[in-house]
Amino acid sequence: MLVSGIGSMGTAINIIATVLCMRCPGMTLGKMPLFAWLNLTMAGLVILSMSPLTAAQLMLLVDRYPRPSIGSSAVATSWWLTSTTS
């Protein structure tokens, strides 16, 4: 899931760059076709929605494993204690 979130954001950035950079000379944003606006809008929404979800998932993944050298959180410690005592 983490890889697909990062891949989706990369694809959205690629679509935005393509729509904005590959327009015909003299074509303003107001003269772009509706399909290009649809792609631009959907790519923006993907970036806005997937960024917090991917960051939260990455933080949960990092928090899951204890790190004795830099300290760990209560969630990581409780997970480690329950998995090693059984």
N, C-alpha and C. Protein backbone atom coordinates (compact mmCIF):
# COMPACT_ATOMS: atom_id res chain seq x y z
N MET A 1 0.82 -1.19 0.00
CA MET A 1 0.00 0.00 0.00
C MET A 1 0.87 1.26 0.00
N LEU A 2 1.97 1.19 0.70
CA LEU A 2 2.87 2.35 0.74
C LEU A 2 3.46 2.63 -0.64
N VAL A 3 3.84 1.56 -1.34
CA VAL A 3 4.42 1.72 -2.67
C VAL A 3 3.38 2.26 -3.65
N SER A 4 2.14 1.79 -3.54
CA SER A 4 1.10 2.28 -4.45
C SER A 4 0.77 3.75 -4.17
N GLY A 5 0.84 4.18 -2.91
CA GLY A 5 0.61 5.60 -2.59
C GLY A 5 1.69 6.48 -3.18
N ILE A 6 2.93 6.05 -3.05
CA ILE A 6 4.03 6.83 -3.62
C ILE A 6 3.95 6.82 -5.14
N GLY A 7 3.58 5.68 -5.71
CA GLY A 7 3.43 5.60 -7.17
C GLY A 7 2.30 6.47 -7.68
N SER A 8 1.21 6.52 -6.95
CA SER A 8 0.08 7.36 -7.36
C SER A 8 0.45 8.84 -7.32
N MET A 9 1.19 9.24 -6.29
CA MET A 9 1.61 10.63 -6.22
C MET A 9 2.59 10.97 -7.33
N GLY A 10 3.49 10.04 -7.65
CA GLY A 10 4.42 10.27 -8.76
C GLY A 10 3.69 10.39 -10.09
N THR A 11 2.69 9.55 -10.29
CA THR A 11 1.90 9.63 -11.52
C THR A 11 1.13 10.95 -11.60
N ALA A 12 0.58 11.38 -10.49
CA ALA A 12 -0.16 12.65 -10.47
C ALA A 12 0.75 13.83 -10.77
N ILE A 13 1.94 13.82 -10.23
CA ILE A 13 2.91 14.90 -10.54
C ILE A 13 3.28 14.87 -12.01
N ASN A 14 3.45 13.68 -12.57
CA ASN A 14 3.77 13.55 -13.98
C ASN A 14 2.63 14.09 -14.85
N ILE A 15 1.39 13.80 -14.51
CA ILE A 15 0.24 14.29 -15.30
C ILE A 15 0.16 15.80 -15.23
N ILE A 16 0.35 16.36 -14.04
CA ILE A 16 0.30 17.83 -13.91
C ILE A 16 1.40 18.48 -14.74
N ALA A 17 2.61 17.94 -14.67
CA ALA A 17 3.71 18.50 -15.45
C ALA A 17 3.45 18.37 -16.95
N THR A 18 2.88 17.25 -17.36
CA THR A 18 2.59 17.04 -18.78
C THR A 18 1.53 18.01 -19.28
N VAL A 19 0.46 18.17 -18.52
CA VAL A 19 -0.62 19.06 -18.95
C VAL A 19 -0.13 20.51 -19.02
N LEU A 20 0.65 20.93 -18.05
CA LEU A 20 1.09 22.33 -18.03
C LEU A 20 2.22 22.62 -19.02
N CYS A 21 3.10 21.66 -19.25
CA CYS A 21 4.26 21.93 -20.10
C CYS A 21 4.05 21.59 -21.57
N MET A 22 3.14 20.69 -21.89
CA MET A 22 2.99 20.23 -23.27
C MET A 22 1.82 20.88 -24.00
N ARG A 23 1.35 22.01 -23.50
CA ARG A 23 0.28 22.71 -24.22
C ARG A 23 0.83 23.32 -25.50
N CYS A 24 -0.06 23.57 -26.43
CA CYS A 24 0.34 24.22 -27.67
C CYS A 24 0.77 25.65 -27.38
N PRO A 25 1.67 26.21 -28.22
CA PRO A 25 2.06 27.60 -28.02
C PRO A 25 0.85 28.53 -28.16
N GLY A 26 0.70 29.43 -27.22
CA GLY A 26 -0.40 30.37 -27.26
C GLY A 26 -1.67 29.88 -26.57
N MET A 27 -1.71 28.63 -26.14
CA MET A 27 -2.91 28.12 -25.47
C MET A 27 -2.83 28.47 -23.98
N THR A 28 -3.77 29.26 -23.55
CA THR A 28 -3.82 29.62 -22.13
C THR A 28 -4.56 28.53 -21.38
N LEU A 29 -4.56 28.65 -20.06
CA LEU A 29 -5.26 27.66 -19.25
C LEU A 29 -6.77 27.71 -19.51
N GLY A 30 -7.27 28.88 -19.83
CA GLY A 30 -8.70 29.01 -20.11
C GLY A 30 -9.13 28.38 -21.42
N LYS A 31 -8.19 28.19 -22.34
CA LYS A 31 -8.53 27.60 -23.65
C LYS A 31 -8.23 26.11 -23.72
N MET A 32 -7.80 25.52 -22.60
CA MET A 32 -7.51 24.09 -22.62
C MET A 32 -8.80 23.28 -22.76
N PRO A 33 -8.73 22.14 -23.40
CA PRO A 33 -9.93 21.29 -23.52
C PRO A 33 -10.37 20.77 -22.14
N LEU A 34 -11.62 20.35 -22.09
CA LEU A 34 -12.19 19.86 -20.84
C LEU A 34 -11.48 18.60 -20.35
N PHE A 35 -11.05 17.74 -21.27
CA PHE A 35 -10.35 16.52 -20.88
C PHE A 35 -9.03 16.84 -20.16
N ALA A 36 -8.32 17.86 -20.63
CA ALA A 36 -7.07 18.25 -19.97
C ALA A 36 -7.36 18.81 -18.58
N TRP A 37 -8.44 19.58 -18.45
CA TRP A 37 -8.83 20.10 -17.14
C TRP A 37 -9.22 18.97 -16.20
N LEU A 38 -9.89 17.97 -16.73
CA LEU A 38 -10.27 16.81 -15.92
C LEU A 38 -9.04 16.10 -15.38
N ASN A 39 -8.07 15.86 -16.25
CA ASN A 39 -6.84 15.21 -15.81
C ASN A 39 -6.08 16.06 -14.79
N LEU A 40 -6.02 17.36 -15.02
CA LEU A 40 -5.32 18.25 -14.10
C LEU A 40 -6.00 18.27 -12.74
N THR A 41 -7.31 18.34 -12.73
CA THR A 41 -8.05 18.37 -11.47
C THR A 41 -7.92 17.06 -10.71
N MET A 42 -8.06 15.95 -11.40
CA MET A 42 -7.96 14.66 -10.73
C MET A 42 -6.55 14.40 -10.19
N ALA A 43 -5.54 14.84 -10.91
CA ALA A 43 -4.17 14.68 -10.42
C ALA A 43 -3.95 15.52 -9.17
N GLY A 44 -4.50 16.72 -9.15
CA GLY A 44 -4.41 17.55 -7.95
C GLY A 44 -5.11 16.92 -6.76
N LEU A 45 -6.27 16.34 -6.99
CA LEU A 45 -7.00 15.68 -5.91
C LEU A 45 -6.27 14.44 -5.41
N VAL A 46 -5.62 13.72 -6.31
CA VAL A 46 -4.84 12.56 -5.88
C VAL A 46 -3.69 12.99 -4.99
N ILE A 47 -3.01 14.07 -5.35
CA ILE A 47 -1.91 14.56 -4.52
C ILE A 47 -2.42 15.01 -3.16
N LEU A 48 -3.55 15.73 -3.15
CA LEU A 48 -4.08 16.22 -1.88
C LEU A 48 -4.57 15.10 -0.97
N SER A 49 -5.09 14.03 -1.55
CA SER A 49 -5.64 12.96 -0.72
C SER A 49 -4.61 11.90 -0.35
N MET A 50 -3.69 11.58 -1.24
CA MET A 50 -2.75 10.50 -0.97
C MET A 50 -1.56 10.92 -0.11
N SER A 51 -1.21 12.18 -0.10
CA SER A 51 -0.05 12.61 0.68
C SER A 51 -0.23 12.35 2.17
N PRO A 52 -1.35 12.78 2.80
CA PRO A 52 -1.49 12.49 4.23
C PRO A 52 -1.64 11.01 4.52
N LEU A 53 -2.31 10.28 3.64
CA LEU A 53 -2.49 8.84 3.87
C LEU A 53 -1.16 8.10 3.80
N THR A 54 -0.34 8.44 2.83
CA THR A 54 0.96 7.80 2.70
C THR A 54 1.87 8.17 3.86
N ALA A 55 1.83 9.43 4.28
CA ALA A 55 2.66 9.85 5.42
C ALA A 55 2.21 9.15 6.70
N ALA A 56 0.91 9.02 6.92
CA ALA A 56 0.41 8.33 8.11
C ALA A 56 0.81 6.86 8.09
N GLN A 57 0.73 6.24 6.94
CA GLN A 57 1.10 4.84 6.85
C GLN A 57 2.60 4.65 7.10
N LEU A 58 3.40 5.56 6.61
CA LEU A 58 4.84 5.48 6.84
C LEU A 58 5.16 5.67 8.32
N MET A 59 4.46 6.60 8.98
CA MET A 59 4.69 6.81 10.41
C MET A 59 4.27 5.59 11.23
N LEU A 60 3.16 4.95 10.85
CA LEU A 60 2.75 3.74 11.56
C LEU A 60 3.74 2.60 11.34
N LEU A 61 4.29 2.51 10.15
CA LEU A 61 5.27 1.47 9.87
C LEU A 61 6.54 1.68 10.68
N VAL A 62 7.00 2.92 10.79
CA VAL A 62 8.21 3.22 11.55
C VAL A 62 7.95 3.04 13.04
N ASP A 63 6.74 3.35 13.50
CA ASP A 63 6.42 3.28 14.91
C ASP A 63 6.25 1.84 15.39
N ARG A 64 6.07 0.92 14.48
CA ARG A 64 5.78 -0.46 14.87
C ARG A 64 6.98 -1.18 15.47
N TYR A 65 8.16 -0.88 15.01
CA TYR A 65 9.36 -1.59 15.46
C TYR A 65 10.13 -0.74 16.47
N PRO A 66 10.50 -1.33 17.63
CA PRO A 66 11.24 -0.55 18.64
C PRO A 66 12.65 -0.22 18.19
N ARG A 67 13.08 0.94 18.57
CA ARG A 67 14.43 1.40 18.24
C ARG A 67 15.13 1.78 19.55
N PRO A 68 15.86 0.86 20.18
CA PRO A 68 16.45 1.15 21.48
C PRO A 68 17.47 2.29 21.45
N SER A 69 18.11 2.50 20.33
CA SER A 69 19.15 3.53 20.30
C SER A 69 18.56 4.94 20.36
N ILE A 70 17.36 5.13 19.82
CA ILE A 70 16.77 6.48 19.83
C ILE A 70 15.47 6.53 20.64
N GLY A 71 15.15 5.46 21.34
CA GLY A 71 13.92 5.43 22.12
C GLY A 71 12.76 5.00 21.25
N SER A 72 11.69 4.58 21.88
CA SER A 72 10.54 4.15 21.12
C SER A 72 9.27 4.62 21.81
N SER A 73 8.19 4.53 21.11
CA SER A 73 6.92 5.00 21.66
C SER A 73 6.26 3.90 22.47
N ALA A 74 5.17 4.27 23.12
CA ALA A 74 4.43 3.31 23.94
C ALA A 74 3.79 2.23 23.07
N VAL A 75 3.34 2.61 21.88
CA VAL A 75 2.73 1.63 20.99
C VAL A 75 3.75 0.59 20.56
N ALA A 76 4.93 1.03 20.18
CA ALA A 76 5.96 0.10 19.76
C ALA A 76 6.42 -0.78 20.91
N THR A 77 6.54 -0.21 22.09
CA THR A 77 6.98 -0.99 23.24
C THR A 77 5.94 -2.03 23.62
N SER A 78 4.67 -1.66 23.62
CA SER A 78 3.63 -2.62 23.98
C SER A 78 3.54 -3.73 22.94
N TRP A 79 3.71 -3.40 21.68
CA TRP A 79 3.71 -4.44 20.65
C TRP A 79 4.87 -5.40 20.85
N TRP A 80 6.03 -4.86 21.16
CA TRP A 80 7.21 -5.69 21.34
C TRP A 80 7.07 -6.59 22.57
N LEU A 81 6.54 -6.05 23.64
CA LEU A 81 6.37 -6.84 24.85
C LEU A 81 5.36 -7.96 24.68
N THR A 82 4.25 -7.67 24.00
CA THR A 82 3.24 -8.70 23.82
C THR A 82 3.68 -9.77 22.84
N SER A 83 4.51 -9.43 21.89
CA SER A 83 4.94 -10.43 20.91
C SER A 83 6.07 -11.30 21.44
N THR A 84 6.85 -10.82 22.42
CA THR A 84 7.98 -11.62 22.91
C THR A 84 7.64 -12.42 24.15
N THR A 85 6.56 -12.11 24.84
CA THR A 85 6.24 -12.83 26.07
C THR A 85 5.36 -14.05 25.84
N SER A 86 4.85 -14.23 24.66
CA SER A 86 3.96 -15.38 24.44
C SER A 86 4.70 -16.58 23.94
